[in-house]
Amino acid sequence: MVEPIRLAHTGRLWYLVAWDSQHKDWRTFRVDRVQRLASTGPQFTPRDFPGDIAAYVSRSMRQVPYRYRMRIRLHGSVAELAKRVPSWCGVLEVLDEESCALSTGADSIEALAAQVVLTGADFDILEAPECTAELREIAARLERATRVTTLRHIDDVP
């Protein structure tokens, strides 16, 4: 039995935060995966959550079994980047005063690349060497698509 306390939105998905009375711990449940609701016990008095629910859900997302995972160093402080990086992109952690790490994951390399681009910051890949070849292919596609071909208008020809 779970005792729901609050819904939390990550920018992409909704999660239910609840006390799991069987495991005696807080848990998160993806709302889109809930198949059946059943009242299985008496009413309960909601517990006080020990901390920030949004931060708890973000930490819980680190353990999501994504097909691809990546950890990158972002050039910029956590304070600066926390304002720009959508919380659903992943979890930021302090590395030093001028950089932070982002742990992120996705079910495709394209989605992973998009999340990294959404940070709006320069970055270095710390973990995920298995992704670099596919990321290079994506970068090459983007480069090809953005090449500027200068065509002279017929009136411009001397």
Protein backbone atom coordinates (compact mmCIF):
# COMPACT_ATOMS: atom_id res chain seq x y z
CA MET A 1 0.00 0.00 0.00
CA VAL A 2 1.20 3.50 -0.78
CA GLU A 3 0.21 6.79 0.78
CA PRO A 4 0.32 9.45 -1.97
CA ILE A 5 1.48 12.90 -0.97
CA ARG A 6 2.02 14.95 -4.15
CA LEU A 7 2.39 14.95 -7.92
CA ALA A 8 5.61 16.37 -9.34
CA HIS A 9 6.24 17.38 -12.95
CA THR A 10 9.75 17.15 -14.38
CA GLY A 11 9.04 19.14 -17.53
CA ARG A 12 8.48 15.94 -19.43
CA LEU A 13 6.71 13.47 -17.15
CA TRP A 14 4.46 13.43 -14.09
CA TYR A 15 5.50 11.48 -10.99
CA LEU A 16 3.53 10.53 -7.91
CA VAL A 17 5.51 10.82 -4.68
CA ALA A 18 4.21 8.46 -2.04
CA TRP A 19 5.14 6.68 1.18
CA ASP A 20 5.45 2.92 0.56
CA SER A 21 4.25 1.31 3.79
CA GLN A 22 5.58 -2.12 2.79
CA HIS A 23 9.15 -0.86 2.18
CA LYS A 24 8.92 1.88 4.83
CA ASP A 25 10.38 4.46 2.45
CA TRP A 26 9.44 7.23 0.01
CA ARG A 27 9.02 6.24 -3.65
CA THR A 28 8.26 7.85 -6.98
CA PHE A 29 5.89 6.38 -9.56
CA ARG A 30 5.58 7.50 -13.17
CA VAL A 31 1.95 8.47 -13.57
CA ASP A 32 1.80 7.32 -17.20
CA ARG A 33 2.68 3.80 -16.04
CA VAL A 34 -0.07 3.51 -13.43
CA GLN A 35 -2.47 0.90 -14.76
CA ARG A 36 -4.96 0.43 -11.99
CA LEU A 37 -5.97 2.32 -8.89
CA ALA A 38 -7.52 0.53 -5.97
CA SER A 39 -8.39 1.58 -2.47
CA THR A 40 -6.88 -1.19 -0.39
CA GLY A 41 -6.89 0.14 3.10
CA PRO A 42 -8.04 2.72 5.57
CA GLN A 43 -7.60 6.43 5.12
CA PHE A 44 -4.32 7.81 6.35
CA THR A 45 -2.94 11.04 7.69
CA PRO A 46 -0.47 12.44 5.14
CA ARG A 47 3.13 12.35 6.32
CA ASP A 48 5.42 15.35 6.21
CA PHE A 49 7.91 14.95 3.40
CA PRO A 50 11.47 15.35 4.69
CA GLY A 51 12.86 17.84 2.16
CA ASP A 52 12.14 19.27 -1.26
CA ILE A 53 9.89 17.04 -3.36
CA ALA A 54 11.19 18.37 -6.70
CA ALA A 55 14.79 17.65 -5.66
CA TYR A 56 13.79 14.18 -4.51
CA VAL A 57 12.17 13.38 -7.86
CA SER A 58 15.26 14.70 -9.69
CA ARG A 59 17.52 12.45 -7.61
CA SER A 60 15.20 9.50 -8.24
CA MET A 61 15.48 10.07 -11.99
CA ARG A 62 19.23 9.30 -11.82
CA GLN A 63 18.32 5.68 -11.27
CA VAL A 64 15.95 5.42 -14.24
CA PRO A 65 17.14 2.61 -16.53
CA TYR A 66 17.67 4.62 -19.70
CA ARG A 67 19.21 2.86 -22.66
CA TYR A 68 21.90 5.55 -22.91
CA ARG A 69 23.46 7.43 -20.01
CA MET A 70 25.94 10.28 -20.08
CA ARG A 71 27.77 12.46 -17.60
CA ILE A 72 29.18 15.74 -18.91
CA ARG A 73 31.10 18.68 -17.51
CA LEU A 74 29.29 21.93 -18.31
CA HIS A 75 31.29 25.15 -18.51
CA GLY A 76 29.50 27.37 -16.01
CA SER A 77 28.58 27.34 -12.35
CA VAL A 78 25.67 25.34 -10.95
CA ALA A 79 24.02 28.59 -9.84
CA GLU A 80 24.19 30.00 -13.38
CA LEU A 81 23.21 26.81 -15.22
CA ALA A 82 20.42 25.75 -12.86
CA LYS A 83 18.48 28.75 -14.18
CA ARG A 84 18.88 27.63 -17.82
CA VAL A 85 19.00 23.84 -17.80
CA PRO A 86 15.53 22.26 -17.65
CA SER A 87 15.28 20.03 -14.56
CA TRP A 88 14.11 17.11 -16.69
CA CYS A 89 17.42 17.16 -18.61
CA GLY A 90 19.15 15.58 -15.65
CA VAL A 91 20.82 16.29 -12.36
CA LEU A 92 23.41 19.04 -11.90
CA GLU A 93 26.22 18.72 -9.37
CA VAL A 94 28.98 21.12 -8.38
CA LEU A 95 32.47 20.31 -9.67
CA ASP A 96 34.13 23.66 -8.91
CA GLU A 97 33.29 27.37 -9.10
CA GLU A 98 33.41 27.44 -12.90
CA SER A 99 31.93 24.09 -13.89
CA CYS A 100 29.37 21.50 -12.94
CA ALA A 101 28.43 18.01 -14.01
CA LEU A 102 25.17 16.95 -15.62
CA SER A 103 24.08 13.32 -15.35
CA THR A 104 21.47 12.57 -17.96
CA GLY A 105 19.93 9.71 -19.85
CA ALA A 106 17.61 8.93 -22.75
CA ASP A 107 16.30 6.03 -24.79
CA SER A 108 18.02 7.22 -27.99
CA ILE A 109 21.29 8.93 -28.83
CA GLU A 110 19.32 11.68 -30.64
CA ALA A 111 17.32 12.44 -27.48
CA LEU A 112 20.50 12.41 -25.42
CA ALA A 113 22.15 14.86 -27.85
CA ALA A 114 19.09 17.12 -27.73
CA GLN A 115 19.18 17.23 -23.94
CA VAL A 116 22.85 18.20 -23.98
CA VAL A 117 22.18 20.93 -26.55
CA LEU A 118 19.32 22.27 -24.39
CA THR A 119 21.84 23.17 -21.67
CA GLY A 120 23.07 26.01 -23.87
CA ALA A 121 26.61 25.53 -22.53
CA ASP A 122 29.93 24.24 -23.78
CA PHE A 123 30.67 20.81 -22.37
CA ASP A 124 33.10 17.91 -22.14
CA ILE A 125 32.00 14.27 -22.02
CA LEU A 126 33.11 12.69 -18.74
CA GLU A 127 31.33 9.34 -19.02
CA ALA A 128 29.73 7.63 -22.03
CA PRO A 129 32.53 6.84 -24.45
CA GLU A 130 30.25 4.32 -26.18
CA CYS A 131 28.10 7.24 -27.39
CA THR A 132 30.82 9.32 -29.04
CA ALA A 133 30.74 7.68 -32.49
CA GLU A 134 26.98 8.18 -32.82
CA LEU A 135 27.25 11.73 -31.44
CA ARG A 136 29.86 12.48 -34.13
CA GLU A 137 27.41 11.23 -36.77
CA ILE A 138 24.70 13.54 -35.40
CA ALA A 139 27.17 16.46 -35.35
CA ALA A 140 28.13 15.71 -38.99
CA ARG A 141 24.44 15.70 -40.02
CA LEU A 142 23.93 19.06 -38.30
CA GLU A 143 27.06 20.48 -39.94
CA ARG A 144 25.92 19.34 -43.39
CA ALA A 145 22.48 20.85 -42.84
CA THR A 146 23.90 24.21 -41.82
CA ARG A 147 26.44 24.72 -44.60
CA VAL A 148 25.80 27.95 -46.40
CA THR A 149 26.00 27.78 -50.14
CA THR A 150 26.50 31.16 -51.67
CA LEU A 151 24.68 31.45 -54.92
CA ARG A 152 25.28 34.52 -56.98
CA HIS A 153 22.26 36.10 -58.44
CA ILE A 154 22.48 36.42 -62.21
CA ASP A 155 22.46 40.22 -61.93
CA ASP A 156 25.50 40.10 -59.65
CA VAL A 157 27.70 38.40 -62.24
CA PRO A 158 30.12 40.92 -63.84
